[in-house]
N, C-alpha and C. Protein backbone atom coordinates (compact mmCIF):
# COMPACT_ATOMS: atom_id res chain seq x y z
N MET A 1 105.85 86.00 109.59
CA MET A 1 105.85 87.43 109.37
C MET A 1 106.59 88.13 110.49
N ASN A 2 107.09 89.31 110.19
CA ASN A 2 107.78 90.13 111.17
C ASN A 2 106.78 91.19 111.65
N VAL A 3 106.57 91.28 112.96
CA VAL A 3 105.63 92.24 113.54
C VAL A 3 106.44 93.36 114.17
N ILE A 4 106.17 94.59 113.74
CA ILE A 4 106.90 95.75 114.23
C ILE A 4 105.94 96.63 115.03
N LYS A 5 106.25 96.81 116.30
CA LYS A 5 105.44 97.68 117.15
C LYS A 5 105.75 99.13 116.81
N THR A 6 104.79 100.00 116.98
CA THR A 6 104.98 101.43 116.73
C THR A 6 104.86 102.19 118.04
N ALA A 7 105.00 103.50 117.96
CA ALA A 7 104.88 104.35 119.15
C ALA A 7 103.46 104.34 119.71
N ILE A 8 102.50 103.93 118.91
CA ILE A 8 101.13 103.71 119.38
C ILE A 8 100.95 102.20 119.40
N PRO A 9 100.94 101.57 120.59
CA PRO A 9 101.01 100.11 120.69
C PRO A 9 99.97 99.33 119.89
N GLU A 10 98.77 99.89 119.72
CA GLU A 10 97.72 99.17 119.00
C GLU A 10 97.92 99.17 117.49
N VAL A 11 98.70 100.09 116.98
CA VAL A 11 98.98 100.16 115.54
C VAL A 11 100.24 99.36 115.28
N VAL A 12 100.14 98.38 114.38
CA VAL A 12 101.22 97.43 114.15
C VAL A 12 101.58 97.38 112.66
N ILE A 13 102.87 97.34 112.38
CA ILE A 13 103.36 97.14 111.01
C ILE A 13 103.65 95.65 110.85
N ILE A 14 103.19 95.08 109.76
CA ILE A 14 103.39 93.66 109.49
C ILE A 14 104.19 93.53 108.20
N GLU A 15 105.34 92.86 108.32
CA GLU A 15 106.18 92.57 107.16
C GLU A 15 106.11 91.07 106.89
N PRO A 16 105.63 90.68 105.72
CA PRO A 16 105.56 89.26 105.43
C PRO A 16 106.94 88.69 105.09
N LYS A 17 107.06 87.39 105.25
CA LYS A 17 108.26 86.70 104.78
C LYS A 17 108.06 86.44 103.29
N VAL A 18 108.98 86.95 102.49
CA VAL A 18 108.86 86.85 101.04
C VAL A 18 109.88 85.82 100.55
N PHE A 19 109.39 84.89 99.74
CA PHE A 19 110.24 83.85 99.17
C PHE A 19 110.42 84.17 97.69
N SER A 20 111.67 84.50 97.32
CA SER A 20 111.96 84.92 95.95
C SER A 20 112.94 83.96 95.29
N ASP A 21 112.79 83.81 93.99
CA ASP A 21 113.78 83.08 93.18
C ASP A 21 113.69 83.63 91.75
N LEU A 22 114.29 82.94 90.81
CA LEU A 22 114.32 83.41 89.43
C LEU A 22 112.93 83.58 88.81
N ARG A 23 111.96 82.83 89.32
CA ARG A 23 110.61 82.89 88.76
C ARG A 23 109.82 84.11 89.24
N GLY A 24 110.19 84.65 90.40
CA GLY A 24 109.42 85.74 90.99
C GLY A 24 109.41 85.60 92.50
N TYR A 25 108.26 85.82 93.11
CA TYR A 25 108.17 85.72 94.56
C TYR A 25 106.83 85.15 94.99
N PHE A 26 106.77 84.74 96.26
CA PHE A 26 105.56 84.29 96.93
C PHE A 26 105.59 84.81 98.35
N PHE A 27 104.44 85.25 98.84
CA PHE A 27 104.32 85.53 100.27
C PHE A 27 102.87 85.34 100.68
N GLU A 28 102.70 85.00 101.94
CA GLU A 28 101.38 84.84 102.52
C GLU A 28 100.94 86.23 102.97
N SER A 29 99.93 86.80 102.32
CA SER A 29 99.52 88.17 102.64
C SER A 29 98.59 88.23 103.85
N PHE A 30 97.95 87.12 104.19
CA PHE A 30 97.08 87.12 105.36
C PHE A 30 96.91 85.71 105.89
N ASN A 31 97.00 85.57 107.21
CA ASN A 31 96.76 84.32 107.91
C ASN A 31 96.06 84.71 109.21
N GLN A 32 94.81 84.31 109.38
CA GLN A 32 93.99 84.74 110.52
C GLN A 32 94.67 84.46 111.86
N THR A 33 95.18 83.26 112.04
CA THR A 33 95.80 82.90 113.31
C THR A 33 97.03 83.75 113.61
N ASN A 34 97.91 83.88 112.63
CA ASN A 34 99.12 84.69 112.83
C ASN A 34 98.79 86.17 113.02
N PHE A 35 97.80 86.66 112.29
CA PHE A 35 97.42 88.05 112.42
C PHE A 35 96.88 88.35 113.81
N GLU A 36 95.99 87.52 114.31
CA GLU A 36 95.43 87.74 115.64
C GLU A 36 96.49 87.64 116.73
N ALA A 37 97.46 86.77 116.55
CA ALA A 37 98.57 86.70 117.50
C ALA A 37 99.39 88.00 117.45
N ALA A 38 99.55 88.55 116.28
CA ALA A 38 100.34 89.78 116.11
C ALA A 38 99.66 90.99 116.74
N VAL A 39 98.34 91.08 116.61
CA VAL A 39 97.63 92.27 117.13
C VAL A 39 97.07 92.04 118.53
N GLY A 40 97.08 90.81 118.99
CA GLY A 40 96.67 90.52 120.37
C GLY A 40 95.18 90.54 120.62
N CYS A 41 94.38 90.36 119.58
CA CYS A 41 92.92 90.30 119.78
C CYS A 41 92.27 89.57 118.61
N ARG A 42 91.03 89.16 118.83
CA ARG A 42 90.26 88.50 117.78
C ARG A 42 89.75 89.56 116.81
N VAL A 43 89.90 89.30 115.51
CA VAL A 43 89.49 90.25 114.48
C VAL A 43 88.68 89.50 113.43
N ASN A 44 87.54 90.08 113.07
CA ASN A 44 86.71 89.48 112.03
C ASN A 44 86.55 90.49 110.90
N PHE A 45 87.18 90.21 109.77
CA PHE A 45 87.04 91.08 108.61
C PHE A 45 85.77 90.71 107.86
N VAL A 46 85.01 91.74 107.42
CA VAL A 46 83.73 91.50 106.75
C VAL A 46 83.73 91.99 105.30
N GLN A 47 84.75 92.75 104.92
CA GLN A 47 84.76 93.34 103.59
C GLN A 47 86.20 93.65 103.20
N GLU A 48 86.50 93.59 101.91
CA GLU A 48 87.80 94.02 101.41
C GLU A 48 87.57 95.03 100.30
N ASN A 49 88.32 96.13 100.34
CA ASN A 49 88.16 97.23 99.39
C ASN A 49 89.46 97.47 98.65
N GLU A 50 89.34 98.10 97.48
CA GLU A 50 90.52 98.47 96.71
C GLU A 50 90.26 99.83 96.10
N SER A 51 91.30 100.68 96.12
CA SER A 51 91.20 101.98 95.45
C SER A 51 92.43 102.17 94.57
N TYR A 52 92.23 102.93 93.52
CA TYR A 52 93.32 103.32 92.62
C TYR A 52 93.38 104.84 92.66
N SER A 53 94.57 105.38 92.83
CA SER A 53 94.72 106.83 92.90
C SER A 53 95.96 107.25 92.14
N LYS A 54 95.90 108.45 91.61
CA LYS A 54 97.04 109.03 90.89
C LYS A 54 97.97 109.73 91.87
N GLN A 55 99.18 110.01 91.40
CA GLN A 55 100.19 110.68 92.21
C GLN A 55 99.64 112.00 92.75
N GLY A 56 99.91 112.25 94.03
CA GLY A 56 99.48 113.49 94.65
C GLY A 56 98.11 113.44 95.27
N VAL A 57 97.37 112.34 95.09
CA VAL A 57 96.06 112.21 95.71
C VAL A 57 96.25 111.92 97.19
N LEU A 58 95.51 112.65 98.02
CA LEU A 58 95.50 112.40 99.46
C LEU A 58 94.07 112.05 99.85
N ARG A 59 93.91 110.90 100.45
CA ARG A 59 92.59 110.44 100.91
C ARG A 59 92.61 110.42 102.43
N GLY A 60 91.65 111.09 103.03
CA GLY A 60 91.55 111.03 104.48
C GLY A 60 91.67 112.41 105.11
N LEU A 61 91.59 112.35 106.35
CA LEU A 61 91.66 111.29 107.36
C LEU A 61 90.24 110.81 107.65
N HIS A 62 89.94 109.56 107.35
CA HIS A 62 88.58 109.02 107.40
C HIS A 62 88.37 108.10 108.60
N TYR A 63 87.11 108.06 109.05
CA TYR A 63 86.68 107.11 110.09
C TYR A 63 85.16 107.08 110.12
N GLN A 64 84.60 106.10 110.80
CA GLN A 64 83.16 106.03 111.04
C GLN A 64 82.95 106.20 112.53
N ILE A 65 82.14 107.20 112.91
CA ILE A 65 81.93 107.52 114.31
C ILE A 65 81.06 106.46 115.00
N ILE A 66 80.15 105.88 114.27
CA ILE A 66 79.35 104.74 114.75
C ILE A 66 79.69 103.58 113.83
N LYS A 67 79.74 102.38 114.37
CA LYS A 67 80.17 101.21 113.61
C LYS A 67 81.58 101.42 113.07
N PRO A 68 82.54 101.73 113.96
CA PRO A 68 83.91 102.00 113.51
C PRO A 68 84.54 100.78 112.85
N GLN A 69 85.52 101.05 112.02
CA GLN A 69 86.19 100.00 111.26
C GLN A 69 87.66 99.88 111.69
N GLY A 70 88.09 98.66 111.98
CA GLY A 70 89.51 98.36 112.02
C GLY A 70 89.92 98.08 110.59
N LYS A 71 91.16 98.43 110.22
CA LYS A 71 91.60 98.26 108.83
C LYS A 71 92.98 97.63 108.79
N LEU A 72 93.13 96.65 107.92
CA LEU A 72 94.44 96.10 107.58
C LEU A 72 94.72 96.55 106.16
N VAL A 73 95.70 97.46 105.99
CA VAL A 73 95.92 98.12 104.71
C VAL A 73 97.25 97.70 104.09
N ARG A 74 97.28 97.70 102.76
CA ARG A 74 98.51 97.42 102.02
C ARG A 74 98.43 97.99 100.62
N VAL A 75 99.59 98.16 100.00
CA VAL A 75 99.68 98.70 98.65
C VAL A 75 100.10 97.56 97.73
N VAL A 76 99.36 97.35 96.63
CA VAL A 76 99.70 96.27 95.69
C VAL A 76 100.41 96.80 94.45
N SER A 77 100.33 98.10 94.20
CA SER A 77 101.17 98.72 93.18
C SER A 77 101.41 100.16 93.59
N GLY A 78 102.65 100.61 93.40
CA GLY A 78 102.99 101.98 93.74
C GLY A 78 103.46 102.13 95.18
N GLU A 79 103.40 103.40 95.67
CA GLU A 79 103.85 103.72 97.02
C GLU A 79 102.99 104.83 97.61
N VAL A 80 102.68 104.70 98.90
CA VAL A 80 101.94 105.73 99.62
C VAL A 80 102.62 106.01 100.96
N PHE A 81 102.29 107.16 101.53
CA PHE A 81 102.61 107.44 102.93
C PHE A 81 101.29 107.31 103.65
N ASP A 82 101.21 106.36 104.58
CA ASP A 82 99.97 106.00 105.26
C ASP A 82 99.99 106.53 106.69
N VAL A 83 98.85 107.08 107.15
CA VAL A 83 98.77 107.69 108.47
C VAL A 83 97.59 107.14 109.25
N ALA A 84 97.84 106.83 110.53
CA ALA A 84 96.80 106.45 111.49
C ALA A 84 96.84 107.46 112.62
N LEU A 85 95.70 108.09 112.92
CA LEU A 85 95.58 109.11 113.95
C LEU A 85 94.69 108.60 115.07
N ASP A 86 95.20 108.60 116.30
CA ASP A 86 94.44 108.13 117.46
C ASP A 86 93.40 109.19 117.84
N ILE A 87 92.11 108.82 117.74
CA ILE A 87 91.04 109.75 118.08
C ILE A 87 90.21 109.24 119.26
N ARG A 88 90.83 108.44 120.11
CA ARG A 88 90.18 107.90 121.31
C ARG A 88 90.51 108.83 122.49
N ARG A 89 89.54 109.57 122.96
CA ARG A 89 89.74 110.59 124.01
C ARG A 89 90.44 110.04 125.25
N ASN A 90 90.15 108.80 125.64
CA ASN A 90 90.72 108.23 126.86
C ASN A 90 92.03 107.50 126.64
N SER A 91 92.61 107.63 125.47
CA SER A 91 93.85 106.94 125.15
C SER A 91 95.06 107.79 125.56
N PRO A 92 96.12 107.14 126.05
CA PRO A 92 97.33 107.90 126.36
C PRO A 92 98.02 108.47 125.11
N THR A 93 97.64 107.97 123.93
CA THR A 93 98.22 108.49 122.69
C THR A 93 97.20 109.31 121.88
N PHE A 94 96.16 109.80 122.55
CA PHE A 94 95.13 110.61 121.91
C PHE A 94 95.76 111.79 121.16
N GLY A 95 95.37 111.96 119.90
CA GLY A 95 95.86 113.06 119.09
C GLY A 95 97.22 112.82 118.44
N ARG A 96 97.82 111.66 118.71
CA ARG A 96 99.11 111.35 118.08
C ARG A 96 98.88 110.52 116.83
N TRP A 97 99.84 110.58 115.93
CA TRP A 97 99.71 109.85 114.66
C TRP A 97 100.96 109.03 114.40
N ILE A 98 100.76 108.01 113.57
CA ILE A 98 101.84 107.15 113.07
C ILE A 98 101.82 107.25 111.56
N GLY A 99 102.98 107.40 110.95
CA GLY A 99 103.08 107.42 109.49
C GLY A 99 104.05 106.35 109.04
N GLU A 100 103.71 105.68 107.95
CA GLU A 100 104.56 104.59 107.43
C GLU A 100 104.48 104.59 105.91
N PHE A 101 105.64 104.36 105.28
CA PHE A 101 105.67 104.21 103.83
C PHE A 101 105.28 102.77 103.50
N LEU A 102 104.24 102.61 102.71
CA LEU A 102 103.79 101.29 102.26
C LEU A 102 103.95 101.26 100.75
N SER A 103 104.47 100.15 100.24
CA SER A 103 104.65 100.06 98.79
C SER A 103 104.52 98.61 98.34
N ALA A 104 104.33 98.47 97.04
CA ALA A 104 104.33 97.13 96.46
C ALA A 104 105.68 96.48 96.66
N GLN A 105 106.73 97.28 96.68
CA GLN A 105 108.08 96.75 96.83
C GLN A 105 108.35 96.26 98.26
N ASN A 106 108.00 97.05 99.28
CA ASN A 106 108.31 96.61 100.66
C ASN A 106 107.25 95.66 101.23
N LYS A 107 106.08 95.61 100.62
CA LYS A 107 105.01 94.67 100.98
C LYS A 107 104.53 94.79 102.43
N LYS A 108 104.86 95.89 103.09
CA LYS A 108 104.41 96.11 104.46
C LYS A 108 102.90 96.32 104.50
N GLN A 109 102.31 95.90 105.62
CA GLN A 109 100.91 96.15 105.89
C GLN A 109 100.81 96.91 107.20
N LEU A 110 99.75 97.67 107.37
CA LEU A 110 99.55 98.41 108.60
C LEU A 110 98.19 98.04 109.17
N TRP A 111 98.19 97.66 110.45
CA TRP A 111 96.94 97.37 111.17
C TRP A 111 96.54 98.65 111.90
N ILE A 112 95.34 99.14 111.57
CA ILE A 112 94.79 100.35 112.18
C ILE A 112 93.49 99.94 112.87
N PRO A 113 93.50 99.84 114.20
CA PRO A 113 92.30 99.38 114.90
C PRO A 113 91.18 100.42 114.93
N GLU A 114 90.02 100.00 115.40
CA GLU A 114 88.90 100.91 115.59
C GLU A 114 89.34 102.04 116.52
N GLY A 115 88.79 103.23 116.30
CA GLY A 115 89.15 104.37 117.14
C GLY A 115 90.24 105.23 116.55
N PHE A 116 90.59 104.98 115.30
CA PHE A 116 91.62 105.74 114.60
C PHE A 116 91.05 106.32 113.31
N ALA A 117 91.53 107.50 112.95
CA ALA A 117 91.25 108.06 111.63
C ALA A 117 92.41 107.63 110.73
N HIS A 118 92.14 107.48 109.45
CA HIS A 118 93.13 106.93 108.52
C HIS A 118 93.17 107.74 107.24
N GLY A 119 94.38 107.90 106.70
CA GLY A 119 94.54 108.56 105.42
C GLY A 119 95.85 108.18 104.77
N PHE A 120 95.97 108.47 103.48
CA PHE A 120 97.23 108.19 102.78
C PHE A 120 97.43 109.17 101.64
N LEU A 121 98.71 109.38 101.32
CA LEU A 121 99.14 110.24 100.23
C LEU A 121 99.89 109.38 99.21
N VAL A 122 99.49 109.47 97.94
CA VAL A 122 100.13 108.69 96.88
C VAL A 122 101.41 109.40 96.42
N LEU A 123 102.53 108.70 96.54
CA LEU A 123 103.84 109.25 96.19
C LEU A 123 104.30 108.83 94.80
N SER A 124 103.92 107.65 94.37
CA SER A 124 104.33 107.14 93.06
C SER A 124 103.40 107.70 91.98
N GLU A 125 103.68 107.36 90.73
CA GLU A 125 102.85 107.84 89.62
C GLU A 125 101.38 107.49 89.82
N SER A 126 101.14 106.33 90.42
CA SER A 126 99.80 105.90 90.80
C SER A 126 99.97 104.82 91.87
N ALA A 127 98.89 104.47 92.53
CA ALA A 127 98.94 103.41 93.54
C ALA A 127 97.61 102.69 93.61
N THR A 128 97.69 101.39 93.80
CA THR A 128 96.52 100.57 94.07
C THR A 128 96.62 100.15 95.53
N PHE A 129 95.58 100.46 96.28
CA PHE A 129 95.56 100.32 97.73
C PHE A 129 94.46 99.33 98.10
N GLN A 130 94.78 98.32 98.91
CA GLN A 130 93.78 97.34 99.35
C GLN A 130 93.67 97.38 100.86
N TYR A 131 92.45 97.18 101.34
CA TYR A 131 92.28 97.12 102.79
C TYR A 131 91.08 96.25 103.17
N LYS A 132 91.33 95.45 104.20
CA LYS A 132 90.29 94.64 104.82
C LYS A 132 89.71 95.47 105.96
N VAL A 133 88.39 95.39 106.18
CA VAL A 133 87.76 96.16 107.25
C VAL A 133 86.91 95.26 108.13
N THR A 134 86.74 95.69 109.39
CA THR A 134 86.01 94.89 110.38
C THR A 134 84.53 95.22 110.46
N ASP A 135 84.09 96.23 109.73
CA ASP A 135 82.66 96.53 109.65
C ASP A 135 82.38 97.10 108.27
N PHE A 136 81.12 97.10 107.91
CA PHE A 136 80.72 97.57 106.59
C PHE A 136 80.75 99.10 106.53
N ARG A 137 80.68 99.61 105.34
CA ARG A 137 80.64 101.07 105.13
C ARG A 137 79.23 101.57 105.39
N TYR A 138 79.16 102.61 106.21
CA TYR A 138 77.90 103.28 106.51
C TYR A 138 78.12 104.77 106.24
N PRO A 139 77.74 105.24 105.03
CA PRO A 139 78.00 106.64 104.67
C PRO A 139 77.50 107.65 105.69
N GLU A 140 76.39 107.35 106.34
CA GLU A 140 75.82 108.30 107.30
C GLU A 140 76.69 108.47 108.55
N TYR A 141 77.61 107.54 108.80
CA TYR A 141 78.49 107.62 109.97
C TYR A 141 79.91 108.04 109.60
N GLU A 142 80.17 108.24 108.30
CA GLU A 142 81.51 108.61 107.86
C GLU A 142 81.84 110.03 108.29
N ARG A 143 83.07 110.21 108.74
CA ARG A 143 83.57 111.52 109.13
C ARG A 143 84.97 111.70 108.54
N SER A 144 85.40 112.95 108.44
CA SER A 144 86.72 113.25 107.90
C SER A 144 87.34 114.37 108.73
N ILE A 145 88.59 114.18 109.10
CA ILE A 145 89.37 115.20 109.78
C ILE A 145 90.36 115.76 108.76
N ARG A 146 90.54 117.06 108.77
CA ARG A 146 91.42 117.70 107.79
C ARG A 146 92.85 117.18 107.90
N PHE A 147 93.38 116.79 106.76
CA PHE A 147 94.75 116.27 106.69
C PHE A 147 95.78 117.34 107.01
N ASP A 148 95.41 118.61 106.81
CA ASP A 148 96.35 119.71 106.97
C ASP A 148 96.13 120.52 108.25
N ASP A 149 95.44 119.93 109.22
CA ASP A 149 95.19 120.61 110.49
C ASP A 149 96.52 120.85 111.20
N SER A 150 96.85 122.11 111.45
CA SER A 150 98.14 122.44 112.06
C SER A 150 98.26 121.90 113.49
N GLU A 151 97.14 121.68 114.16
CA GLU A 151 97.19 121.12 115.52
C GLU A 151 97.76 119.70 115.51
N LEU A 152 97.54 118.98 114.44
CA LEU A 152 98.02 117.59 114.34
C LEU A 152 99.48 117.52 113.91
N SER A 153 99.94 118.49 113.14
CA SER A 153 101.32 118.55 112.65
C SER A 153 101.75 117.26 111.96
N ILE A 154 100.88 116.74 111.11
CA ILE A 154 101.26 115.53 110.36
C ILE A 154 102.33 115.92 109.34
N ASN A 155 103.41 115.19 109.37
CA ASN A 155 104.56 115.48 108.51
C ASN A 155 104.42 114.72 107.19
N TRP A 156 103.50 115.19 106.34
CA TRP A 156 103.31 114.56 105.03
C TRP A 156 104.56 114.79 104.20
N PRO A 157 105.05 113.77 103.51
CA PRO A 157 106.25 113.96 102.67
C PRO A 157 105.93 114.79 101.43
N SER A 158 106.96 115.32 100.84
CA SER A 158 106.80 116.05 99.58
C SER A 158 106.41 115.07 98.49
N ILE A 159 105.62 115.56 97.57
CA ILE A 159 105.18 114.72 96.46
C ILE A 159 106.24 114.81 95.36
N PRO A 160 106.84 113.68 94.99
CA PRO A 160 107.86 113.72 93.92
C PRO A 160 107.19 113.77 92.55
N HIS A 161 106.37 114.78 92.35
CA HIS A 161 105.53 114.86 91.15
C HIS A 161 106.31 115.21 89.89
N GLN A 162 105.72 114.81 88.82
CA GLN A 162 106.29 115.09 87.50
C GLN A 162 105.87 116.46 87.01
N PHE A 163 104.77 116.95 87.52
CA PHE A 163 104.19 118.18 87.01
C PHE A 163 104.46 119.32 87.98
N PRO A 164 105.36 120.25 87.63
CA PRO A 164 105.72 121.33 88.54
C PRO A 164 104.53 122.18 88.97
N ILE A 165 103.45 122.14 88.21
CA ILE A 165 102.29 122.96 88.55
C ILE A 165 101.57 122.44 89.80
N MET A 166 101.72 121.15 90.12
CA MET A 166 101.01 120.55 91.24
C MET A 166 101.77 120.85 92.54
N LEU A 167 101.29 121.80 93.31
CA LEU A 167 101.97 122.21 94.52
C LEU A 167 101.33 121.64 95.78
N ALA A 168 100.09 121.21 95.69
CA ALA A 168 99.38 120.69 96.86
C ALA A 168 98.74 119.35 96.50
N PRO A 169 98.44 118.53 97.50
CA PRO A 169 97.79 117.25 97.22
C PRO A 169 96.40 117.45 96.62
N LEU A 170 95.96 116.47 95.85
CA LEU A 170 94.61 116.46 95.30
C LEU A 170 93.70 115.79 96.32
N VAL A 171 92.69 116.51 96.79
CA VAL A 171 91.77 115.96 97.80
C VAL A 171 90.34 116.12 97.33
N SER A 172 89.48 115.28 97.84
CA SER A 172 88.06 115.37 97.51
C SER A 172 87.44 116.57 98.22
N GLU A 173 86.29 116.97 97.77
CA GLU A 173 85.57 118.07 98.43
C GLU A 173 85.25 117.68 99.87
N LYS A 174 84.86 116.44 100.08
CA LYS A 174 84.55 115.94 101.43
C LYS A 174 85.76 116.12 102.35
N ASP A 175 86.95 115.77 101.87
CA ASP A 175 88.15 115.88 102.70
C ASP A 175 88.59 117.33 102.86
N ARG A 176 88.43 118.13 101.82
CA ARG A 176 88.78 119.55 101.90
C ARG A 176 87.91 120.26 102.93
N ASN A 177 86.67 119.77 103.08
CA ASN A 177 85.73 120.37 104.03
C ASN A 177 85.64 119.58 105.34
N GLY A 178 86.61 118.71 105.59
CA GLY A 178 86.61 117.93 106.82
C GLY A 178 86.72 118.81 108.05
N SER A 179 86.46 118.22 109.20
CA SER A 179 86.52 118.95 110.47
C SER A 179 87.95 119.16 110.92
N PHE A 180 88.18 120.25 111.60
CA PHE A 180 89.44 120.40 112.31
C PHE A 180 89.36 119.48 113.53
N PHE A 181 90.51 119.01 113.97
CA PHE A 181 90.57 118.04 115.07
C PHE A 181 89.81 118.54 116.30
N LYS A 182 89.97 119.79 116.66
CA LYS A 182 89.32 120.32 117.87
C LYS A 182 87.79 120.33 117.76
N ASP A 183 87.25 120.30 116.54
CA ASP A 183 85.81 120.33 116.32
C ASP A 183 85.22 118.97 115.93
N ALA A 184 86.06 117.98 115.72
CA ALA A 184 85.61 116.69 115.18
C ALA A 184 84.86 115.87 116.24
N GLU A 185 83.94 115.03 115.75
CA GLU A 185 83.33 114.02 116.61
C GLU A 185 84.37 112.94 116.83
N LEU A 186 84.66 112.62 118.07
CA LEU A 186 85.71 111.66 118.39
C LEU A 186 85.17 110.57 119.28
N PHE A 187 85.98 109.54 119.50
CA PHE A 187 85.56 108.42 120.34
C PHE A 187 85.81 108.72 121.81
């Protein structure tokens, strides 16, 4: 696999080696030894999740304040713009974000360690999103930071929507009522 460092050193883009021929393709989507070498630490995934979303859906920015989750994310159909926001107060990259286009076509994965909020915007007609996590879901510890907080200045791409009426992303009530960064519980 090809490991691409980002402006936030702990967040890593992973591009698998894809073997293609007339029949289709094959790639190794996960290898524990290679993954740990790429991220520089031991990681134990305990759960794998999948979501399906329609075009224009924005999920996030999510995190768990207690029992935080590291996430290895990828798209198995469609395309998203994926964001990791550093919410570790003592980090030199505190308050900075990384954005990456993930798609079934480019097969990129993004490693988002504990201490980050995470979200994505669906750009294609729909997208199926998979992610491995390092801890279980605890609804009582879940938090959300507003995706549109002007202090963060996240440069979400325009939605190439089919329906001219859709001018803003579709978000859940929980995300619409998320905390502004300055008011959020952080690490």
